Protein backbone atom coordinates (compact mmCIF):
# COMPACT_ATOMS: atom_id res chain seq x y z
CA UNK A 1 147.13 71.44 114.11
CA UNK A 2 143.69 71.71 112.58
CA UNK A 3 143.18 68.11 111.51
CA UNK A 4 139.80 68.38 109.85
CA UNK A 5 138.29 71.79 109.41
CA UNK A 6 134.69 71.54 110.58
CA UNK A 7 134.33 67.92 109.94
CA UNK A 8 136.38 68.04 107.12
CA UNK A 9 139.79 67.31 106.17
CA UNK A 10 140.46 70.86 105.12
CA UNK A 11 138.92 74.29 104.87
CA UNK A 12 138.80 73.86 101.14
CA UNK A 13 136.67 70.76 101.41
CA UNK A 14 134.04 72.65 103.41
CA UNK A 15 133.96 75.39 100.81
CA UNK A 16 133.60 73.01 97.91
CA UNK A 17 130.65 71.39 99.58
CA UNK A 18 129.13 74.84 99.89
CA UNK A 19 129.36 75.25 96.12
CA UNK A 20 126.72 72.56 95.71
CA UNK A 21 123.16 73.91 95.42
CA UNK A 22 121.75 74.34 98.96
CA UNK A 23 119.18 71.88 100.25
CA UNK A 24 116.43 74.48 100.33
CA UNK A 25 116.92 75.16 96.62
CA UNK A 26 116.93 71.47 95.78
CA UNK A 27 113.55 71.05 97.43
CA UNK A 28 112.13 73.62 95.04
CA UNK A 29 113.65 72.36 91.80
CA UNK A 30 115.10 69.20 90.32
CA UNK A 31 118.26 67.97 92.02
CA UNK A 32 121.26 68.09 89.68
CA UNK A 33 122.40 64.76 88.24
CA UNK A 34 126.09 65.51 88.76
CA UNK A 35 128.37 68.26 90.07
CA UNK A 36 132.12 68.17 89.53
CA UNK A 37 134.68 70.85 90.46
CA UNK A 38 138.43 70.89 90.11
CA UNK A 39 141.06 73.42 91.15
CA UNK A 40 143.90 74.29 93.51
CA UNK A 41 144.69 76.63 96.36
CA UNK A 42 147.11 77.63 99.09
CA UNK A 43 146.74 77.39 102.85
CA UNK A 44 148.41 78.83 105.94
CA UNK A 45 148.03 77.19 109.35
CA UNK A 46 149.38 78.33 112.72
CA UNK A 47 151.61 75.82 114.51
CA UNK A 48 150.40 75.59 118.14
CA UNK A 49 153.03 73.06 119.24
CA UNK A 50 155.77 73.70 121.77
CA UNK A 51 159.20 74.41 120.13
CA UNK A 52 157.64 74.90 116.68
CA UNK A 53 160.27 75.45 114.01
CA UNK A 54 158.00 77.89 112.18
CA UNK A 55 155.05 79.81 113.58
CA UNK A 56 153.01 79.13 110.44
CA UNK A 57 152.89 76.19 108.07
CA UNK A 58 152.03 76.80 104.43
CA UNK A 59 151.34 74.65 101.40
CA UNK A 60 149.46 74.11 98.15
CA UNK A 61 146.56 71.70 97.76
CA UNK A 62 144.76 70.21 94.78
CA UNK A 63 141.00 70.60 95.12
CA UNK A 64 138.17 68.43 93.86
CA UNK A 65 134.50 67.94 94.57
CA UNK A 66 132.13 65.40 93.08
CA UNK A 67 128.44 64.97 93.87
CA UNK A 68 125.59 63.00 92.37
CA UNK A 69 122.23 61.92 93.77
CA UNK A 70 123.81 59.50 96.24
CA UNK A 71 127.55 60.12 96.58
CA UNK A 72 129.71 63.09 97.58
CA UNK A 73 133.51 62.95 97.44
CA UNK A 74 136.10 65.62 98.25
CA UNK A 75 139.18 66.15 100.41
CA UNK A 76 137.12 65.49 103.52
CA UNK A 77 136.27 61.98 102.32
CA UNK A 78 133.29 60.09 100.92
CA UNK A 79 129.66 60.50 101.96
CA UNK A 80 126.85 58.16 100.92
CA UNK A 81 123.24 59.28 101.33
CA UNK A 82 121.09 56.84 103.26
CA UNK A 83 118.09 59.13 103.60
CA UNK A 84 117.39 62.41 101.82
CA UNK A 85 114.18 64.03 103.01
CA UNK A 86 112.85 67.56 102.85
CA UNK A 87 114.21 68.37 106.31
CA UNK A 88 116.55 65.54 107.28
CA UNK A 89 119.55 64.02 105.51
CA UNK A 90 121.39 60.94 106.77
CA UNK A 91 124.78 59.95 105.34
CA UNK A 92 127.41 57.32 105.89
CA UNK A 93 130.95 58.73 106.02
CA UNK A 94 134.50 57.57 105.27
CA UNK A 95 136.98 60.31 106.19
CA UNK A 96 140.78 60.58 106.13
CA UNK A 97 142.45 62.17 109.15
CA UNK A 98 145.56 64.25 108.59
CA UNK A 99 146.92 67.51 109.91
CA UNK A 100 147.99 70.71 108.19
CA UNK A 101 150.85 70.90 110.70
CA UNK A 102 152.13 68.09 112.91
CA UNK A 103 154.73 67.50 115.65
CA UNK A 104 157.45 66.73 113.10
CA UNK A 105 157.56 70.48 112.49
CA UNK A 106 159.00 71.08 115.99
CA UNK A 107 162.48 70.89 117.50
CA UNK A 108 161.59 68.81 120.57
CA UNK A 109 158.93 66.43 119.22
CA UNK A 110 160.01 65.68 115.66
CA UNK A 111 160.26 61.98 116.56
CA UNK A 112 156.47 61.67 117.09
CA UNK A 113 154.60 59.66 114.46
CA UNK A 114 151.25 61.04 113.35
CA UNK A 115 150.42 59.16 110.14
CA UNK A 116 147.31 59.25 107.96
CA UNK A 117 144.28 57.66 109.61
CA UNK A 118 140.85 56.66 108.32
CA UNK A 119 137.58 57.19 110.18
CA UNK A 120 134.14 55.73 109.46
CA UNK A 121 130.82 57.00 110.77
CA UNK A 122 127.66 58.87 109.93
CA UNK A 123 126.20 62.35 109.75
CA UNK A 124 122.70 63.75 110.18
CA UNK A 125 121.89 67.26 108.96
CA UNK A 126 118.84 69.47 108.75
CA UNK A 127 118.24 72.84 107.18
CA UNK A 128 115.87 75.66 108.04
CA UNK A 129 116.09 78.77 105.89
CA UNK A 130 119.70 80.01 105.82
CA UNK A 131 120.76 77.72 108.70
CA UNK A 132 122.09 74.16 108.56
CA UNK A 133 122.66 72.03 111.66
CA UNK A 134 124.67 68.81 111.45
CA UNK A 135 125.69 66.09 113.91
CA UNK A 136 128.49 63.71 112.95
CA UNK A 137 130.06 60.66 114.58
CA UNK A 138 133.42 59.25 113.43
CA UNK A 139 135.54 56.36 114.71
CA UNK A 140 139.01 55.28 113.62
CA UNK A 141 139.20 52.01 111.64
CA UNK A 142 142.84 52.24 110.55
CA UNK A 143 144.41 51.69 113.97
CA UNK A 144 146.21 55.06 113.77
CA UNK A 145 144.35 57.05 116.43
CA UNK A 146 142.10 54.28 117.83
CA UNK A 147 139.76 57.09 118.86
CA UNK A 148 136.38 58.59 118.09
CA UNK A 149 134.74 61.98 117.95
CA UNK A 150 131.35 63.70 117.75
CA UNK A 151 131.02 66.97 115.83
CA UNK A 152 128.12 69.43 116.11
CA UNK A 153 128.14 72.28 113.56
CA UNK A 154 125.82 75.19 112.83
CA UNK A 155 126.24 77.06 109.52
CA UNK A 156 124.53 80.27 108.40
CA UNK A 157 124.57 81.32 104.75
CA UNK A 158 123.87 84.61 103.00
CA UNK A 159 124.12 85.75 99.38
CA UNK A 160 124.56 89.55 99.23
CA UNK A 161 124.82 89.40 95.42
CA UNK A 162 124.26 86.86 92.66
CA UNK A 163 128.00 86.21 92.53
CA UNK A 164 128.97 86.38 96.20
CA UNK A 165 128.03 83.85 98.89
CA UNK A 166 129.09 84.08 102.54
CA UNK A 167 128.95 81.50 105.32
CA UNK A 168 129.61 81.65 109.05
CA UNK A 169 130.04 78.49 111.09
CA UNK A 170 130.28 77.55 114.76
CA UNK A 171 131.12 74.09 115.99
CA UNK A 172 131.76 71.87 118.99
CA UNK A 173 133.87 68.74 118.70
CA UNK A 174 134.13 66.09 121.42
CA UNK A 175 137.20 63.88 121.08
CA UNK A 176 137.63 60.81 123.28
CA UNK A 177 140.74 60.13 125.36
CA UNK A 178 142.62 58.20 122.66
CA UNK A 179 142.01 60.77 119.94
CA UNK A 180 142.77 63.65 122.32
CA UNK A 181 146.11 62.01 123.18
CA UNK A 182 146.91 61.53 119.48
CA UNK A 183 146.13 65.17 118.73
CA UNK A 184 147.31 67.00 121.84
CA UNK A 185 149.16 64.58 124.11
CA UNK A 186 152.24 62.38 124.48
CA UNK A 187 152.07 58.60 124.89
CA UNK A 188 154.16 56.75 127.45
CA UNK A 189 155.59 54.60 124.67
CA UNK A 190 156.77 57.74 122.87
CA UNK A 191 158.39 59.76 125.65
CA UNK A 192 158.44 57.56 128.75
CA UNK A 193 156.28 57.86 131.91
CA UNK A 194 158.04 61.01 133.13
CA UNK A 195 157.00 63.17 130.17
CA UNK A 196 153.80 61.40 129.09
CA UNK A 197 150.49 63.25 128.91
CA UNK A 198 147.82 60.67 128.09
CA UNK A 199 144.22 61.75 128.60
CA UNK A 200 142.50 59.54 131.16
CA UNK A 201 145.76 57.85 132.20
CA UNK A 202 148.44 60.37 133.18
CA UNK A 203 148.02 62.20 136.48
CA UNK A 204 146.77 65.70 135.73
CA UNK A 205 145.45 64.76 132.28
CA UNK A 206 141.63 64.75 132.35
CA UNK A 207 139.48 61.72 131.64
CA UNK A 208 136.40 61.74 129.43
CA UNK A 209 138.08 63.35 126.44
CA UNK A 210 138.01 67.01 125.47
CA UNK A 211 135.59 69.46 123.86
CA UNK A 212 137.03 71.83 121.25
CA UNK A 213 134.92 74.78 120.03
CA UNK A 214 135.59 76.37 116.66
CA UNK A 215 134.52 79.40 114.64
CA UNK A 216 134.84 79.81 110.89
CA UNK A 217 133.96 81.97 107.91
CA UNK A 218 133.78 81.07 104.23
CA UNK A 219 133.24 83.02 101.04
CA UNK A 220 133.04 82.27 97.36
CA UNK A 221 132.83 84.59 94.37
CA UNK A 222 131.74 83.43 90.93
CA UNK A 223 133.87 84.51 87.98
CA UNK A 224 132.04 84.09 84.71
CA UNK A 225 129.77 81.06 84.50
CA UNK A 226 131.93 78.23 85.83
CA UNK A 227 134.89 79.54 87.87
CA UNK A 228 134.92 80.45 91.57
CA UNK A 229 137.38 82.17 93.89
CA UNK A 230 137.02 80.64 97.34
CA UNK A 231 138.40 81.70 100.72
CA UNK A 232 137.99 80.46 104.27
CA UNK A 233 139.33 80.85 107.78
CA UNK A 234 138.80 78.90 111.00
CA UNK A 235 140.03 78.97 114.57
CA UNK A 236 139.92 76.17 117.16
CA UNK A 237 140.05 77.08 120.86
CA UNK A 238 141.91 74.96 123.45
CA UNK A 239 141.10 74.92 127.17
CA UNK A 240 143.52 74.30 130.05
CA UNK A 241 143.10 70.52 129.78
CA UNK A 242 144.80 70.71 126.38
CA UNK A 243 147.34 73.46 127.01
CA UNK A 244 148.65 71.68 130.11
CA UNK A 245 150.10 69.12 127.73
CA UNK A 246 153.85 69.60 127.12
CA UNK A 247 153.08 69.29 123.40
CA UNK A 248 150.70 72.26 123.07
CA UNK A 249 151.96 75.81 123.59
CA UNK A 250 149.04 77.96 122.40
CA UNK A 251 145.40 78.32 123.38
CA UNK A 252 144.19 78.26 119.78
CA UNK A 253 145.01 77.05 116.28
CA UNK A 254 143.96 79.01 113.20
CA UNK A 255 144.13 78.33 109.48
CA UNK A 256 143.21 80.13 106.29
CA UNK A 257 142.77 79.11 102.69
CA UNK A 258 142.32 80.74 99.28
CA UNK A 259 141.87 78.95 95.97
CA UNK A 260 140.34 78.81 92.52
CA UNK A 261 138.00 76.08 91.26
CA UNK A 262 136.15 75.45 88.01
CA UNK A 263 132.87 73.66 87.55
CA UNK A 264 132.77 71.01 84.81
């Protein structure tokens, strides 16, 4: 179900961002004019839905990452720097919303429509030593989810060797009632009032949205001067407000990714 891994459309997108020189290094030396990476990888994502046809969904993804002084573009969307200070960075964001697995991959809910959506918002981030803290707000502008979310993420980075870089991340994501219903619930117009589970509307479904914590780990290993092997894993945790939905059968959703990219 993981729809955007850590504020991102995919685990791979998060890793590609990590390939960019860290903010603390940029403050000490000239910021690069341009960074472009291209590659591909494979993912596996657990299907947390009730009556899932397969326990795990798999696939192959093309990977790209582009960054210059103002713009960053990858699978997680487009970011435009509004302010880039020594400690604080402010960005505008345009982000696609899609899922690695969706209800169509079930026996009982294959009729549900969960199409590509587009969110717009902003992100503020600050770095201190190996830690980066970011706060992001996104709201749907495509009419697909009609919802909004706030994401708070803390990332810690370490480089045991010149070639190997490791990251650990922890996050909290608040999703409003409309987005929570799109992700975890069932609308009355889809299944009728007897089976519906709409957050803030159906009896027993909580109001005020939901909070979803997540934990993740990322690694990259440089091969030669320009190629990198990248790997990542993340798990989202669901509380009883989510698992009471007839659509969700598991208390968590996990995904993993491995790929190869080259810097141009």
